[in-house]
Amino acid sequence: MDMQPPPAFVQLAQAEAPPEAPVDPAPIKVDVSKYIPESARAVTMIVTLTPPTGQAVIYPAGHENEGTLFKGARSIDEVKLDGPIIYVKLYGATSFDIQYTNYRQPD
C-alpha cells in the first residue's frame, strides 16, 4: 500500500489598496462652424453612439461642468454654444456621429 502525502493547500492574500479613481476620458474637439452659424447660441443634435450602451457628454469650450448628456444608441438634445467649438467626452462608447437638426440665434 502506497502512502502519499496530503495535498498542499496554499492561500494567497493581496494587500488591500484603495480603489483607483475613474479616469476622465480625453475630450474630442469638434468644429461646428461648417454646419452652424457662428452667431448660434444653441444647437439641437442627434448623437449616435457605438456601442449603444455608451454615453457622451457634449459641452462648449470653457463649460466642462455644464455639458449635455447623451445616452444610448441614438438620442436627441440641445447643446449650448459659446463659439464654433464643442467638446465630446465618451464614456463606454468607442465612436460617435453627430447630426445637426436645428439651431437658435440670439433675438
PDB file of N, CA and C in Angstrom:
ATOM      1  N   MET A   1       0.830  -1.152   0.000  1.00  0.00           N
ATOM      2  CA  MET A   1       0.000   0.000   0.000  1.00  0.00           C
ATOM      3  C   MET A   1       0.897   1.245   0.000  1.00  0.00           C
ATOM      4  N   ASP A   2       0.684   2.084  -1.037  1.00  0.00           N
ATOM      5  CA  ASP A   2       1.464   3.315  -1.158  1.00  0.00           C
ATOM      6  C   ASP A   2       0.771   4.429  -0.389  1.00  0.00           C
ATOM      7  N   MET A   3       1.557   5.151   0.336  1.00  0.00           N
ATOM      8  CA  MET A   3       1.012   6.278   1.093  1.00  0.00           C
ATOM      9  C   MET A   3       1.540   7.565   0.475  1.00  0.00           C
ATOM     10  N   GLN A   4       0.625   8.416   0.119  1.00  0.00           N
ATOM     11  CA  GLN A   4       1.004   9.697  -0.469  1.00  0.00           C
ATOM     12  C   GLN A   4       0.712  10.809   0.540  1.00  0.00           C
ATOM     13  N   PRO A   5       1.535  11.855   0.498  1.00  0.00           N
ATOM     14  CA  PRO A   5       1.270  12.955   1.431  1.00  0.00           C
ATOM     15  C   PRO A   5      -0.020  13.673   1.026  1.00  0.00           C
ATOM     16  N   PRO A   6      -0.691  14.293   1.958  1.00  0.00           N
ATOM     17  CA  PRO A   6      -1.925  15.013   1.624  1.00  0.00           C
ATOM     18  C   PRO A   6      -1.607  16.195   0.707  1.00  0.00           C
ATOM     19  N   PRO A   7      -2.573  16.616  -0.104  1.00  0.00           N
ATOM     20  CA  PRO A   7      -2.326  17.746  -0.999  1.00  0.00           C
ATOM     21  C   PRO A   7      -2.048  19.019  -0.191  1.00  0.00           C
ATOM     22  N   ALA A   8      -1.227  19.865  -0.753  1.00  0.00           N
ATOM     23  CA  ALA A   8      -0.888  21.123  -0.083  1.00  0.00           C
ATOM     24  C   ALA A   8      -1.964  22.162  -0.386  1.00  0.00           C
ATOM     25  N   PHE A   9      -2.343  22.892   0.609  1.00  0.00           N
ATOM     26  CA  PHE A   9      -3.300  23.980   0.441  1.00  0.00           C
ATOM     27  C   PHE A   9      -2.535  25.292   0.557  1.00  0.00           C
ATOM     28  N   VAL A  10      -2.648  26.105  -0.478  1.00  0.00           N
ATOM     29  CA  VAL A  10      -1.952  27.382  -0.496  1.00  0.00           C
ATOM     30  C   VAL A  10      -2.998  28.486  -0.585  1.00  0.00           C
ATOM     31  N   GLN A  11      -2.869  29.450   0.273  1.00  0.00           N
ATOM     32  CA  GLN A  11      -3.795  30.573   0.254  1.00  0.00           C
ATOM     33  C   GLN A  11      -2.982  31.843   0.041  1.00  0.00           C
ATOM     34  N   LEU A  12      -3.356  32.607  -0.996  1.00  0.00           N
ATOM     35  CA  LEU A  12      -2.662  33.845  -1.307  1.00  0.00           C
ATOM     36  C   LEU A  12      -3.517  35.022  -0.846  1.00  0.00           C
ATOM     37  N   ALA A  13      -2.856  36.034  -0.363  1.00  0.00           N
ATOM     38  CA  ALA A  13      -3.556  37.245   0.062  1.00  0.00           C
ATOM     39  C   ALA A  13      -2.886  38.452  -0.570  1.00  0.00           C
ATOM     40  N   GLN A  14      -3.699  39.398  -0.996  1.00  0.00           N
ATOM     41  CA  GLN A  14      -3.165  40.637  -1.551  1.00  0.00           C
ATOM     42  C   GLN A  14      -3.445  41.769  -0.576  1.00  0.00           C
ATOM     43  N   ALA A  15      -2.507  42.672  -0.521  1.00  0.00           N
ATOM     44  CA  ALA A  15      -2.705  43.835   0.332  1.00  0.00           C
ATOM     45  C   ALA A  15      -3.853  44.669  -0.226  1.00  0.00           C
ATOM     46  N   GLU A  16      -4.691  45.166   0.663  1.00  0.00           N
ATOM     47  CA  GLU A  16      -5.810  45.989   0.205  1.00  0.00           C
ATOM     48  C   GLU A  16      -5.299  47.354  -0.206  1.00  0.00           C
ATOM     49  N   ALA A  17      -5.684  47.749  -1.388  1.00  0.00           N
ATOM     50  CA  ALA A  17      -5.299  49.063  -1.897  1.00  0.00           C
ATOM     51  C   ALA A  17      -6.570  49.861  -2.143  1.00  0.00           C
ATOM     52  N   PRO A  18      -6.517  51.151  -1.944  1.00  0.00           N
ATOM     53  CA  PRO A  18      -7.722  51.942  -2.231  1.00  0.00           C
ATOM     54  C   PRO A  18      -8.053  51.868  -3.712  1.00  0.00           C
ATOM     55  N   PRO A  19      -9.340  51.880  -4.052  1.00  0.00           N
ATOM     56  CA  PRO A  19      -9.704  51.811  -5.475  1.00  0.00           C
ATOM     57  C   PRO A  19      -9.176  53.033  -6.215  1.00  0.00           C
ATOM     58  N   GLU A  20      -8.786  52.796  -7.454  1.00  0.00           N
ATOM     59  CA  GLU A  20      -8.284  53.890  -8.273  1.00  0.00           C
ATOM     60  C   GLU A  20      -9.440  54.778  -8.709  1.00  0.00           C
ATOM     61  N   ALA A  21      -9.177  56.045  -8.785  1.00  0.00           N
ATOM     62  CA  ALA A  21     -10.199  56.987  -9.244  1.00  0.00           C
ATOM     63  C   ALA A  21     -10.481  56.731 -10.717  1.00  0.00           C
ATOM     64  N   PRO A  22     -11.737  56.854 -11.138  1.00  0.00           N
ATOM     65  CA  PRO A  22     -12.032  56.642 -12.555  1.00  0.00           C
ATOM     66  C   PRO A  22     -11.274  57.650 -13.417  1.00  0.00           C
ATOM     67  N   VAL A  23     -10.829  57.178 -14.548  1.00  0.00           N
ATOM     68  CA  VAL A  23     -10.076  58.030 -15.462  1.00  0.00           C
ATOM     69  C   VAL A  23     -11.060  58.834 -16.303  1.00  0.00           C
ATOM     70  N   ASP A  24     -10.877  60.133 -16.308  1.00  0.00           N
ATOM     71  CA  ASP A  24     -11.730  61.004 -17.107  1.00  0.00           C
ATOM     72  C   ASP A  24     -11.260  60.926 -18.558  1.00  0.00           C
ATOM     73  N   PRO A  25     -12.149  60.589 -19.501  1.00  0.00           N
ATOM     74  CA  PRO A  25     -11.712  60.463 -20.897  1.00  0.00           C
ATOM     75  C   PRO A  25     -11.251  61.799 -21.474  1.00  0.00           C
ATOM     76  N   ALA A  26     -10.363  61.710 -22.432  1.00  0.00           N
ATOM     77  CA  ALA A  26      -9.865  62.916 -23.101  1.00  0.00           C
ATOM     78  C   ALA A  26     -10.971  63.505 -23.971  1.00  0.00           C
ATOM     79  N   PRO A  27     -11.161  64.817 -23.927  1.00  0.00           N
ATOM     80  CA  PRO A  27     -12.195  65.433 -24.768  1.00  0.00           C
ATOM     81  C   PRO A  27     -11.791  65.433 -26.237  1.00  0.00           C
ATOM     82  N   ILE A  28     -12.778  65.251 -27.099  1.00  0.00           N
ATOM     83  CA  ILE A  28     -12.577  65.267 -28.550  1.00  0.00           C
ATOM     84  C   ILE A  28     -13.121  66.598 -29.063  1.00  0.00           C
ATOM     85  N   LYS A  29     -12.276  67.353 -29.741  1.00  0.00           N
ATOM     86  CA  LYS A  29     -12.644  68.680 -30.241  1.00  0.00           C
ATOM     87  C   LYS A  29     -13.426  68.542 -31.547  1.00  0.00           C
ATOM     88  N   VAL A  30     -14.566  69.241 -31.634  1.00  0.00           N
ATOM     89  CA  VAL A  30     -15.407  69.215 -32.831  1.00  0.00           C
ATOM     90  C   VAL A  30     -15.704  70.657 -33.243  1.00  0.00           C
ATOM     91  N   ASP A  31     -15.438  70.980 -34.502  1.00  0.00           N
ATOM     92  CA  ASP A  31     -15.720  72.311 -35.045  1.00  0.00           C
ATOM     93  C   ASP A  31     -17.082  72.273 -35.732  1.00  0.00           C
ATOM     94  N   VAL A  32     -18.039  73.021 -35.200  1.00  0.00           N
ATOM     95  CA  VAL A  32     -19.398  73.008 -35.753  1.00  0.00           C
ATOM     96  C   VAL A  32     -19.634  74.131 -36.755  1.00  0.00           C
ATOM     97  N   SER A  33     -18.619  74.952 -37.026  1.00  0.00           N
ATOM     98  CA  SER A  33     -18.806  76.130 -37.884  1.00  0.00           C
ATOM     99  C   SER A  33     -19.156  75.775 -39.326  1.00  0.00           C
ATOM    100  N   LYS A  34     -18.894  74.548 -39.752  1.00  0.00           N
ATOM    101  CA  LYS A  34     -19.268  74.134 -41.112  1.00  0.00           C
ATOM    102  C   LYS A  34     -20.773  73.937 -41.247  1.00  0.00           C
ATOM    103  N   TYR A  35     -21.449  73.711 -40.107  1.00  0.00           N
ATOM    104  CA  TYR A  35     -22.866  73.356 -40.131  1.00  0.00           C
ATOM    105  C   TYR A  35     -23.764  74.384 -39.449  1.00  0.00           C
ATOM    106  N   ILE A  36     -23.191  75.167 -38.530  1.00  0.00           N
ATOM    107  CA  ILE A  36     -23.969  76.081 -37.701  1.00  0.00           C
ATOM    108  C   ILE A  36     -23.364  77.480 -37.800  1.00  0.00           C
ATOM    109  N   PRO A  37     -24.186  78.547 -37.931  1.00  0.00           N
ATOM    110  CA  PRO A  37     -23.629  79.901 -37.966  1.00  0.00           C
ATOM    111  C   PRO A  37     -22.924  80.248 -36.648  1.00  0.00           C
ATOM    112  N   GLU A  38     -21.894  81.079 -36.725  1.00  0.00           N
ATOM    113  CA  GLU A  38     -21.135  81.442 -35.524  1.00  0.00           C
ATOM    114  C   GLU A  38     -21.977  82.198 -34.510  1.00  0.00           C
ATOM    115  N   SER A  39     -23.044  82.843 -34.955  1.00  0.00           N
ATOM    116  CA  SER A  39     -23.901  83.597 -34.039  1.00  0.00           C
ATOM    117  C   SER A  39     -24.860  82.703 -33.253  1.00  0.00           C
ATOM    118  N   ALA A  40     -24.949  81.413 -33.584  1.00  0.00           N
ATOM    119  CA  ALA A  40     -25.864  80.499 -32.897  1.00  0.00           C
ATOM    120  C   ALA A  40     -25.459  80.350 -31.436  1.00  0.00           C
ATOM    121  N   ARG A  41     -26.454  80.285 -30.563  1.00  0.00           N
ATOM    122  CA  ARG A  41     -26.218  80.131 -29.125  1.00  0.00           C
ATOM    123  C   ARG A  41     -26.538  78.728 -28.634  1.00  0.00           C
ATOM    124  N   ALA A  42     -27.239  77.945 -29.434  1.00  0.00           N
ATOM    125  CA  ALA A  42     -27.574  76.569 -29.068  1.00  0.00           C
ATOM    126  C   ALA A  42     -27.844  75.785 -30.343  1.00  0.00           C
ATOM    127  N   VAL A  43     -27.598  74.490 -30.272  1.00  0.00           N
ATOM    128  CA  VAL A  43     -27.838  73.623 -31.419  1.00  0.00           C
ATOM    129  C   VAL A  43     -28.530  72.350 -30.935  1.00  0.00           C
ATOM    130  N   THR A  44     -29.531  71.913 -31.691  1.00  0.00           N
ATOM    131  CA  THR A  44     -30.184  70.639 -31.413  1.00  0.00           C
ATOM    132  C   THR A  44     -29.495  69.599 -32.275  1.00  0.00           C
ATOM    133  N   MET A  45     -29.109  68.487 -31.643  1.00  0.00           N
ATOM    134  CA  MET A  45     -28.373  67.462 -32.381  1.00  0.00           C
ATOM    135  C   MET A  45     -28.833  66.066 -32.002  1.00  0.00           C
ATOM    136  N   ILE A  46     -28.667  65.170 -32.975  1.00  0.00           N
ATOM    137  CA  ILE A  46     -28.894  63.747 -32.753  1.00  0.00           C
ATOM    138  C   ILE A  46     -27.513  63.111 -32.662  1.00  0.00           C
ATOM    139  N   VAL A  47     -27.265  62.413 -31.566  1.00  0.00           N
ATOM    140  CA  VAL A  47     -25.971  61.768 -31.355  1.00  0.00           C
ATOM    141  C   VAL A  47     -26.175  60.259 -31.389  1.00  0.00           C
ATOM    142  N   THR A  48     -25.406  59.596 -32.245  1.00  0.00           N
ATOM    143  CA  THR A  48     -25.422  58.140 -32.348  1.00  0.00           C
ATOM    144  C   THR A  48     -24.126  57.617 -31.749  1.00  0.00           C
ATOM    145  N   LEU A  49     -24.240  56.672 -30.811  1.00  0.00           N
ATOM    146  CA  LEU A  49     -23.071  56.135 -30.109  1.00  0.00           C
ATOM    147  C   LEU A  49     -22.877  54.661 -30.415  1.00  0.00           C
ATOM    148  N   THR A  50     -21.620  54.260 -30.491  1.00  0.00           N
ATOM    149  CA  THR A  50     -21.264  52.858 -30.664  1.00  0.00           C
ATOM    150  C   THR A  50     -20.286  52.493 -29.564  1.00  0.00           C
ATOM    151  N   PRO A  51     -20.522  51.443 -28.817  1.00  0.00           N
ATOM    152  CA  PRO A  51     -21.719  50.608 -28.753  1.00  0.00           C
ATOM    153  C   PRO A  51     -22.891  51.369 -28.123  1.00  0.00           C
ATOM    154  N   PRO A  52     -24.092  50.849 -28.297  1.00  0.00           N
ATOM    155  CA  PRO A  52     -25.280  51.562 -27.829  1.00  0.00           C
ATOM    156  C   PRO A  52     -25.390  51.680 -26.312  1.00  0.00           C
ATOM    157  N   THR A  53     -24.533  51.000 -25.571  1.00  0.00           N
ATOM    158  CA  THR A  53     -24.561  51.106 -24.110  1.00  0.00           C
ATOM    159  C   THR A  53     -23.744  52.293 -23.612  1.00  0.00           C
ATOM    160  N   GLY A  54     -23.061  52.996 -24.515  1.00  0.00           N
ATOM    161  CA  GLY A  54     -22.196  54.109 -24.130  1.00  0.00           C
ATOM    162  C   GLY A  54     -22.956  55.396 -23.862  1.00  0.00           C
ATOM    163  N   GLN A  55     -22.197  56.377 -23.373  1.00  0.00           N
ATOM    164  CA  GLN A  55     -22.729  57.700 -23.100  1.00  0.00           C
ATOM    165  C   GLN A  55     -21.737  58.741 -23.595  1.00  0.00           C
ATOM    166  N   ALA A  56     -22.236  59.935 -23.870  1.00  0.00           N
ATOM    167  CA  ALA A  56     -21.371  61.042 -24.288  1.00  0.00           C
ATOM    168  C   ALA A  56     -21.822  62.310 -23.585  1.00  0.00           C
ATOM    169  N   VAL A  57     -20.848  63.110 -23.178  1.00  0.00           N
ATOM    170  CA  VAL A  57     -21.123  64.435 -22.627  1.00  0.00           C
ATOM    171  C   VAL A  57     -20.571  65.439 -23.629  1.00  0.00           C
ATOM    172  N   ILE A  58     -21.415  66.371 -24.063  1.00  0.00           N
ATOM    173  CA  ILE A  58     -21.013  67.369 -25.059  1.00  0.00           C
ATOM    174  C   ILE A  58     -21.179  68.750 -24.440  1.00  0.00           C
ATOM    175  N   TYR A  59     -20.129  69.569 -24.575  1.00  0.00           N
ATOM    176  CA  TYR A  59     -20.137  70.888 -23.947  1.00  0.00           C
ATOM    177  C   TYR A  59     -19.306  71.874 -24.767  1.00  0.00           C
ATOM    178  N   PRO A  60     -19.603  73.186 -24.627  1.00  0.00           N
ATOM    179  CA  PRO A  60     -18.786  74.199 -25.313  1.00  0.00           C
ATOM    180  C   PRO A  60     -17.495  74.447 -24.539  1.00  0.00           C
ATOM    181  N   ALA A  61     -16.513  75.027 -25.199  1.00  0.00           N
ATOM    182  CA  ALA A  61     -15.225  75.316 -24.569  1.00  0.00           C
ATOM    183  C   ALA A  61     -15.427  76.182 -23.329  1.00  0.00           C
ATOM    184  N   GLY A  62     -14.742  75.809 -22.252  1.00  0.00           N
ATOM    185  CA  GLY A  62     -14.819  76.570 -21.015  1.00  0.00           C
ATOM    186  C   GLY A  62     -16.011  76.253 -20.139  1.00  0.00           C
ATOM    187  N   HIS A  63     -16.866  75.332 -20.551  1.00  0.00           N
ATOM    188  CA  HIS A  63     -18.072  74.992 -19.791  1.00  0.00           C
ATOM    189  C   HIS A  63     -18.136  73.488 -19.523  1.00  0.00           C
ATOM    190  N   GLU A  64     -17.034  72.917 -19.046  1.00  0.00           N
ATOM    191  CA  GLU A  64     -16.944  71.472 -18.834  1.00  0.00           C
ATOM    192  C   GLU A  64     -18.007  70.944 -17.880  1.00  0.00           C
ATOM    193  N   ASN A  65     -18.419  71.752 -16.911  1.00  0.00           N
ATOM    194  CA  ASN A  65     -19.388  71.302 -15.909  1.00  0.00           C
ATOM    195  C   ASN A  65     -20.834  71.540 -16.326  1.00  0.00           C
ATOM    196  N   GLU A  66     -21.050  72.054 -17.518  1.00  0.00           N
ATOM    197  CA  GLU A  66     -22.404  72.349 -17.991  1.00  0.00           C
ATOM    198  C   GLU A  66     -22.733  71.562 -19.257  1.00  0.00           C
ATOM    199  N   GLY A  67     -22.212  70.353 -19.359  1.00  0.00           N
ATOM    200  CA  GLY A  67     -22.410  69.553 -20.559  1.00  0.00           C
ATOM    201  C   GLY A  67     -23.786  68.927 -20.645  1.00  0.00           C
ATOM    202  N   THR A  68     -24.120  68.485 -21.836  1.00  0.00           N
ATOM    203  CA  THR A  68     -25.369  67.778 -22.100  1.00  0.00           C
ATOM    204  C   THR A  68     -25.049  66.303 -22.241  1.00  0.00           C
ATOM    205  N   LEU A  69     -25.795  65.451 -21.536  1.00  0.00           N
ATOM    206  CA  LEU A  69     -25.554  64.011 -21.540  1.00  0.00           C
ATOM    207  C   LEU A  69     -26.414  63.334 -22.600  1.00  0.00           C
ATOM    208  N   PHE A  70     -25.779  62.536 -23.439  1.00  0.00           N
ATOM    209  CA  PHE A  70     -26.465  61.729 -24.449  1.00  0.00           C
ATOM    210  C   PHE A  70     -26.248  60.269 -24.088  1.00  0.00           C
ATOM    211  N   LYS A  71     -27.344  59.491 -23.995  1.00  0.00           N
ATOM    212  CA  LYS A  71     -27.259  58.081 -23.606  1.00  0.00           C
ATOM    213  C   LYS A  71     -27.831  57.198 -24.700  1.00  0.00           C
ATOM    214  N   GLY A  72     -27.267  56.011 -24.805  1.00  0.00           N
ATOM    215  CA  GLY A  72     -27.840  55.011 -25.685  1.00  0.00           C
ATOM    216  C   GLY A  72     -27.426  55.146 -27.132  1.00  0.00           C
ATOM    217  N   ALA A  73     -28.012  54.285 -27.947  1.00  0.00           N
ATOM    218  CA  ALA A  73     -27.632  54.193 -29.351  1.00  0.00           C
ATOM    219  C   ALA A  73     -27.871  55.495 -30.101  1.00  0.00           C
ATOM    220  N   ARG A  74     -29.000  56.139 -29.832  1.00  0.00           N
ATOM    221  CA  ARG A  74     -29.351  57.353 -30.582  1.00  0.00           C
ATOM    222  C   ARG A  74     -30.219  58.224 -29.684  1.00  0.00           C
ATOM    223  N   SER A  75     -29.783  59.474 -29.469  1.00  0.00           N
ATOM    224  CA  SER A  75     -30.574  60.380 -28.643  1.00  0.00           C
ATOM    225  C   SER A  75     -30.483  61.797 -29.195  1.00  0.00           C
ATOM    226  N   ILE A  76     -31.470  62.613 -28.824  1.00  0.00           N
ATOM    227  CA  ILE A  76     -31.543  63.988 -29.319  1.00  0.00           C
ATOM    228  C   ILE A  76     -31.643  64.933 -28.128  1.00  0.00           C
ATOM    229  N   ASP A  77     -30.930  66.055 -28.215  1.00  0.00           N
ATOM    230  CA  ASP A  77     -30.992  67.067 -27.164  1.00  0.00           C
ATOM    231  C   ASP A  77     -30.360  68.353 -27.680  1.00  0.00           C
ATOM    232  N   GLU A  78     -30.489  69.408 -26.891  1.00  0.00           N
ATOM    233  CA  GLU A  78     -29.925  70.703 -27.257  1.00  0.00           C
ATOM    234  C   GLU A  78     -28.627  70.935 -26.485  1.00  0.00           C
ATOM    235  N   VAL A  79     -27.634  71.489 -27.165  1.00  0.00           N
ATOM    236  CA  VAL A  79     -26.342  71.804 -26.556  1.00  0.00           C
ATOM    237  C   VAL A  79     -26.128  73.307 -26.681  1.00  0.00           C
ATOM    238  N   LYS A  80     -25.793  73.948 -25.565  1.00  0.00           N
ATOM    239  CA  LYS A  80     -25.490  75.381 -25.601  1.00  0.00           C
ATOM    240  C   LYS A  80     -24.149  75.592 -26.279  1.00  0.00           C
ATOM    241  N   LEU A  81     -24.022  76.707 -26.991  1.00  0.00           N
ATOM    242  CA  LEU A  81     -22.782  77.028 -27.697  1.00  0.00           C
ATOM    243  C   LEU A  81     -22.178  78.308 -27.138  1.00  0.00           C
ATOM    244  N   ASP A  82     -20.859  78.384 -27.223  1.00  0.00           N
ATOM    245  CA  ASP A  82     -20.122  79.593 -26.869  1.00  0.00           C
ATOM    246  C   ASP A  82     -18.974  79.719 -27.860  1.00  0.00           C
ATOM    247  N   GLY A  83     -19.330  79.759 -29.142  1.00  0.00           N
ATOM    248  CA  GLY A  83     -18.335  79.774 -30.204  1.00  0.00           C
ATOM    249  C   GLY A  83     -18.481  78.549 -31.087  1.00  0.00           C
ATOM    250  N   PRO A  84     -17.593  78.376 -32.055  1.00  0.00           N
ATOM    251  CA  PRO A  84     -17.735  77.301 -33.040  1.00  0.00           C
ATOM    252  C   PRO A  84     -17.194  75.938 -32.593  1.00  0.00           C
ATOM    253  N   ILE A  85     -16.642  75.841 -31.390  1.00  0.00           N
ATOM    254  CA  ILE A  85     -16.019  74.591 -30.944  1.00  0.00           C
ATOM    255  C   ILE A  85     -16.824  73.976 -29.808  1.00  0.00           C
ATOM    256  N   ILE A  86     -17.071  72.664 -29.925  1.00  0.00           N
ATOM    257  CA  ILE A  86     -17.640  71.889 -28.821  1.00  0.00           C
ATOM    258  C   ILE A  86     -16.687  70.743 -28.530  1.00  0.00           C
ATOM    259  N   TYR A  87     -16.844  70.149 -27.360  1.00  0.00           N
ATOM    260  CA  TYR A  87     -16.023  69.009 -26.963  1.00  0.00           C
ATOM    261  C   TYR A  87     -16.928  67.842 -26.615  1.00  0.00           C
ATOM    262  N   VAL A  88     -16.457  66.638 -26.946  1.00  0.00           N
ATOM    263  CA  VAL A  88     -17.199  65.412 -26.690  1.00  0.00           C
ATOM    264  C   VAL A  88     -16.339  64.513 -25.809  1.00  0.00           C
ATOM    265  N   LYS A  89     -16.923  64.041 -24.704  1.00  0.00           N
ATOM    266  CA  LYS A  89     -16.263  63.046 -23.857  1.00  0.00           C
ATOM    267  C   LYS A  89     -17.090  61.770 -23.935  1.00  0.00           C
ATOM    268  N   LEU A  90     -16.432  60.671 -24.278  1.00  0.00           N
ATOM    269  CA  LEU A  90     -17.114  59.386 -24.421  1.00  0.00           C
ATOM    270  C   LEU A  90     -16.899  58.531 -23.181  1.00  0.00           C
ATOM    271  N   TYR A  91     -17.977  57.986 -22.653  1.00  0.00           N
ATOM    272  CA  TYR A  91     -17.936  57.084 -21.507  1.00  0.00           C
ATOM    273  C   TYR A  91     -18.530  55.754 -21.944  1.00  0.00           C
ATOM    274  N   GLY A  92     -17.699  54.764 -22.129  1.00  0.00           N
ATOM    275  CA  GLY A  92     -18.173  53.448 -22.549  1.00  0.00           C
ATOM    276  C   GLY A  92     -18.465  53.347 -24.034  1.00  0.00           C
ATOM    277  N   ALA A  93     -18.335  54.419 -24.758  1.00  0.00           N
ATOM    278  CA  ALA A  93     -18.543  54.407 -26.211  1.00  0.00           C
ATOM    279  C   ALA A  93     -17.186  54.511 -26.895  1.00  0.00           C
ATOM    280  N   THR A  94     -17.083  53.917 -28.072  1.00  0.00           N
ATOM    281  CA  THR A  94     -15.825  53.961 -28.820  1.00  0.00           C
ATOM    282  C   THR A  94     -15.890  54.932 -29.990  1.00  0.00           C
ATOM    283  N   SER A  95     -17.094  55.261 -30.443  1.00  0.00           N
ATOM    284  CA  SER A  95     -17.231  56.216 -31.542  1.00  0.00           C
ATOM    285  C   SER A  95     -18.591  56.901 -31.459  1.00  0.00           C
ATOM    286  N   PHE A  96     -18.698  58.016 -32.184  1.00  0.00           N
ATOM    287  CA  PHE A  96     -19.938  58.781 -32.178  1.00  0.00           C
ATOM    288  C   PHE A  96     -20.148  59.426 -33.537  1.00  0.00           C
ATOM    289  N   ASP A  97     -21.407  59.789 -33.793  1.00  0.00           N
ATOM    290  CA  ASP A  97     -21.771  60.518 -35.003  1.00  0.00           C
ATOM    291  C   ASP A  97     -22.767  61.593 -34.586  1.00  0.00           C
ATOM    292  N   ILE A  98     -22.573  62.808 -35.099  1.00  0.00           N
ATOM    293  CA  ILE A  98     -23.466  63.916 -34.754  1.00  0.00           C
ATOM    294  C   ILE A  98     -24.207  64.370 -36.003  1.00  0.00           C
ATOM    295  N   GLN A  99     -25.522  64.521 -35.858  1.00  0.00           N
ATOM    296  CA  GLN A  99     -26.369  65.068 -36.919  1.00  0.00           C
ATOM    297  C   GLN A  99     -27.022  66.334 -36.351  1.00  0.00           C
ATOM    298  N   TYR A 100     -26.769  67.472 -36.983  1.00  0.00           N
ATOM    299  CA  TYR A 100     -27.305  68.752 -36.518  1.00  0.00           C
ATOM    300  C   TYR A 100     -28.687  68.947 -37.127  1.00  0.00           C
ATOM    301  N   THR A 101     -29.698  69.211 -36.289  1.00  0.00           N
ATOM    302  CA  THR A 101     -31.063  69.322 -36.795  1.00  0.00           C
ATOM    303  C   THR A 101     -31.601  70.745 -36.776  1.00  0.00           C
ATOM    304  N   ASN A 102     -31.143  71.563 -35.821  1.00  0.00           N
ATOM    305  CA  ASN A 102     -31.679  72.912 -35.686  1.00  0.00           C
ATOM    306  C   ASN A 102     -30.724  73.730 -34.828  1.00  0.00           C
ATOM    307  N   TYR A 103     -30.862  75.054 -34.879  1.00  0.00           N
ATOM    308  CA  TYR A 103     -30.043  75.907 -34.015  1.00  0.00           C
ATOM    309  C   TYR A 103     -30.834  77.150 -33.638  1.00  0.00           C
ATOM    310  N   ARG A 104     -30.411  77.788 -32.533  1.00  0.00           N
ATOM    311  CA  ARG A 104     -31.044  79.017 -32.068  1.00  0.00           C
ATOM    312  C   ARG A 104     -30.035  80.149 -32.125  1.00  0.00           C
ATOM    313  N   GLN A 105     -30.502  81.309 -32.571  1.00  0.00           N
ATOM    314  CA  GLN A 105     -29.666  82.500 -32.608  1.00  0.00           C
ATOM    315  C   GLN A 105     -30.231  83.518 -31.625  1.00  0.00           C
ATOM    316  N   PRO A 106     -29.392  84.465 -31.176  1.00  0.00           N
ATOM    317  CA  PRO A 106     -29.915  85.486 -30.258  1.00  0.00           C
ATOM    318  C   PRO A 106     -30.996  86.323 -30.941  1.00  0.00           C
ATOM    319  N   ASP A 107     -31.967  86.753 -30.156  1.00  0.00           N
ATOM    320  CA  ASP A 107     -33.073  87.563 -30.710  1.00  0.00           C
ATOM    321  C   ASP A 107     -32.633  88.967 -31.011  1.00  0.00           C
TER     322      ASP A 107
END
